[in-house]
Amino acid sequence: MNKLASCLLLSSAIALSGPVAARPVMLTATLKNYGGDGAYLALYLTDANGDYVRTLWVAGKKSKYHKHLTDWYRAAGSDRTRIDGITGASVGAGRNLEVTVDLADALFDAGYALNLDAAAEDMPESPRDVSVPLTTSGAGKTVAGRRYVASFRYGP
């Protein structure tokens, strides 16, 4: 799917997103006990080509550390200026992050993916610690992360 088609699909999904065409989706990440300070996390949506669509949540308010969420930081570009209201505190080792976002029904089973970048102070960065297709059949299923994330799931 080319970028124009992706933009049209996303525009249609956004335009159609109303009470009937969108659903609240809880995103839950449980961090491993990795033995370091609180982790910064970026949850974001990509299209079928892996291109950035939008930021869903950023855990960690100090913007000077956002550059360590490498894939998200590079992809979001100037979109980082619009993260007010979708940020919260960093997440401690062994702790949970639970965030509810509204996602248009048209995004499910259309090639989109939920991604989570993670970074902790004085420890290696973990771009796309989690990357999972956004599908109706995947809702409620738990997947393991690569470095800092013990488990991730999404669903109602």
Protein backbone atom coordinates (compact mmCIF):
# COMPACT_ATOMS: atom_id res chain seq x y z
CA MET A 1 0.00 0.00 0.00
CA ASN A 2 1.59 3.30 -0.97
CA LYS A 3 1.72 6.40 1.24
CA LEU A 4 -1.23 8.08 -0.52
CA ALA A 5 -3.44 5.04 0.02
CA SER A 6 -2.31 4.83 3.66
CA CYS A 7 -3.11 8.50 4.18
CA LEU A 8 -6.52 8.07 2.58
CA LEU A 9 -7.30 5.03 4.73
CA LEU A 10 -6.20 6.84 7.88
CA SER A 11 -8.14 9.98 6.89
CA SER A 12 -11.23 7.87 6.31
CA ALA A 13 -10.73 6.10 9.63
CA ILE A 14 -10.38 9.42 11.44
CA ALA A 15 -13.32 10.98 9.59
CA LEU A 16 -15.50 8.00 10.39
CA SER A 17 -14.39 7.72 13.98
CA GLY A 18 -17.45 8.51 15.98
CA PRO A 19 -19.17 6.73 18.81
CA VAL A 20 -20.03 3.78 16.55
CA ALA A 21 -16.84 3.65 14.44
CA ALA A 22 -14.28 3.77 17.27
CA ARG A 23 -13.61 1.72 20.32
CA PRO A 24 -11.71 2.27 23.56
CA VAL A 25 -8.69 -0.01 23.64
CA MET A 26 -6.61 -0.63 26.75
CA LEU A 27 -2.88 -0.98 26.13
CA THR A 28 -1.08 -2.79 28.94
CA ALA A 29 2.68 -3.18 29.25
CA THR A 30 4.31 -4.95 32.19
CA LEU A 31 8.00 -4.23 32.58
CA LYS A 32 10.63 -6.75 33.59
CA ASN A 33 12.61 -6.29 36.80
CA TYR A 34 15.61 -5.04 34.82
CA GLY A 35 17.34 -3.44 37.83
CA GLY A 36 17.43 0.17 36.65
CA ASP A 37 15.61 3.48 36.94
CA GLY A 38 12.15 4.08 35.54
CA ALA A 39 11.79 3.44 31.81
CA TYR A 40 10.63 5.91 29.21
CA LEU A 41 8.14 4.35 26.80
CA ALA A 42 6.57 5.52 23.54
CA LEU A 43 3.45 3.76 22.26
CA TYR A 44 2.72 4.58 18.63
CA LEU A 45 0.85 3.36 15.57
CA THR A 46 2.42 2.46 12.21
CA ASP A 47 0.77 1.59 8.90
CA ALA A 48 1.19 -1.50 6.71
CA ASN A 49 4.50 -0.12 5.36
CA GLY A 50 5.85 0.43 8.86
CA ASP A 51 5.50 4.20 8.50
CA TYR A 52 4.62 6.27 11.56
CA VAL A 53 0.95 7.27 11.83
CA ARG A 54 0.53 8.79 15.30
CA THR A 55 1.67 8.76 18.91
CA LEU A 56 -0.70 7.07 21.35
CA TRP A 57 1.14 7.63 24.65
CA VAL A 58 4.57 8.65 25.98
CA ALA A 59 5.63 7.62 29.48
CA GLY A 60 8.31 10.02 30.68
CA LYS A 61 7.73 13.75 30.62
CA LYS A 62 11.29 15.10 30.27
CA SER A 63 11.56 15.72 26.53
CA LYS A 64 15.36 15.78 26.64
CA TYR A 65 15.24 11.99 27.11
CA HIS A 66 12.76 11.30 24.31
CA LYS A 67 15.61 10.98 21.79
CA HIS A 68 16.43 7.63 23.43
CA LEU A 69 13.10 6.26 22.18
CA THR A 70 14.89 6.04 18.85
CA ASP A 71 12.42 4.61 16.32
CA TRP A 72 9.55 6.72 17.63
CA TYR A 73 11.71 9.86 17.94
CA ARG A 74 12.96 9.57 14.36
CA ALA A 75 9.55 8.70 12.93
CA ALA A 76 7.48 11.23 14.86
CA GLY A 77 9.63 14.17 13.71
CA SER A 78 7.83 17.42 14.41
CA ASP A 79 4.80 15.49 15.69
CA ARG A 80 6.55 15.36 19.08
CA THR A 81 5.29 18.89 19.68
CA ARG A 82 1.74 17.49 19.90
CA ILE A 83 2.27 15.04 22.75
CA ASP A 84 0.89 17.31 25.49
CA GLY A 85 -1.96 15.48 27.16
CA ILE A 86 -0.72 12.05 26.09
CA THR A 87 2.24 11.86 28.44
CA GLY A 88 2.73 10.52 31.92
CA ALA A 89 5.43 9.50 34.36
CA SER A 90 8.13 7.00 33.51
CA VAL A 91 7.40 3.39 34.49
CA GLY A 92 9.44 1.59 37.15
CA ALA A 93 10.96 -1.84 36.76
CA GLY A 94 8.37 -4.58 37.39
CA ARG A 95 5.52 -2.06 37.13
CA ASN A 96 2.58 -1.80 34.71
CA LEU A 97 1.58 0.89 32.26
CA GLU A 98 -2.13 0.88 31.46
CA VAL A 99 -3.45 3.39 28.97
CA THR A 100 -6.83 3.54 27.24
CA VAL A 101 -6.97 5.09 23.76
CA ASP A 102 -9.75 5.39 21.21
CA LEU A 103 -8.91 3.59 17.96
CA ALA A 104 -11.09 3.69 14.85
CA ASP A 105 -12.58 0.33 13.92
CA ALA A 106 -11.17 0.78 10.40
CA LEU A 107 -7.61 0.47 11.79
CA PHE A 108 -8.15 -3.13 12.91
CA ASP A 109 -7.21 -5.86 10.42
CA ALA A 110 -5.98 -3.18 7.96
CA GLY A 111 -2.21 -3.68 8.32
CA TYR A 112 -1.60 -1.29 11.22
CA ALA A 113 0.71 -2.16 14.11
CA LEU A 114 1.08 -1.08 17.73
CA ASN A 115 4.68 -0.35 18.65
CA LEU A 116 6.44 0.36 21.93
CA ASP A 117 9.95 1.83 22.18
CA ALA A 118 11.66 1.64 25.58
CA ALA A 119 14.72 3.19 27.20
CA ALA A 120 16.09 3.33 30.75
CA GLU A 121 18.86 5.54 32.10
CA ASP A 122 22.40 4.19 31.61
CA MET A 123 21.04 1.06 29.92
CA PRO A 124 20.72 0.07 26.24
CA GLU A 125 17.84 1.51 24.23
CA SER A 126 15.20 -0.86 22.91
CA PRO A 127 13.50 0.41 19.74
CA ARG A 128 10.31 -1.54 19.01
CA ASP A 129 10.66 -3.56 22.17
CA VAL A 130 7.15 -4.60 21.14
CA SER A 131 5.60 -4.48 17.67
CA VAL A 132 2.30 -6.27 17.22
CA PRO A 133 -0.26 -6.21 14.39
CA LEU A 134 -3.51 -4.45 15.30
CA THR A 135 -6.04 -7.19 14.64
CA THR A 136 -9.34 -8.19 16.16
CA SER A 137 -8.02 -11.73 16.70
CA GLY A 138 -4.93 -10.39 18.52
CA ALA A 139 -6.96 -8.44 21.07
CA GLY A 140 -6.51 -9.84 24.56
CA LYS A 141 -3.49 -11.96 23.63
CA THR A 142 -0.27 -11.39 25.52
CA VAL A 143 3.05 -11.03 23.69
CA ALA A 144 6.57 -10.80 25.13
CA GLY A 145 8.80 -7.80 24.61
CA ARG A 146 12.44 -7.94 23.57
CA ARG A 147 14.31 -6.20 26.43
CA TYR A 148 12.41 -4.19 29.05
CA VAL A 149 8.85 -5.33 28.41
CA ALA A 150 7.89 -8.64 30.02
CA SER A 151 4.44 -8.65 28.44
CA PHE A 152 2.15 -6.48 26.31
CA ARG A 153 -1.47 -6.81 25.33
CA TYR A 154 -4.30 -4.70 23.98
CA GLY A 155 -8.02 -5.09 24.15
CA PRO A 156 -11.27 -3.82 25.54
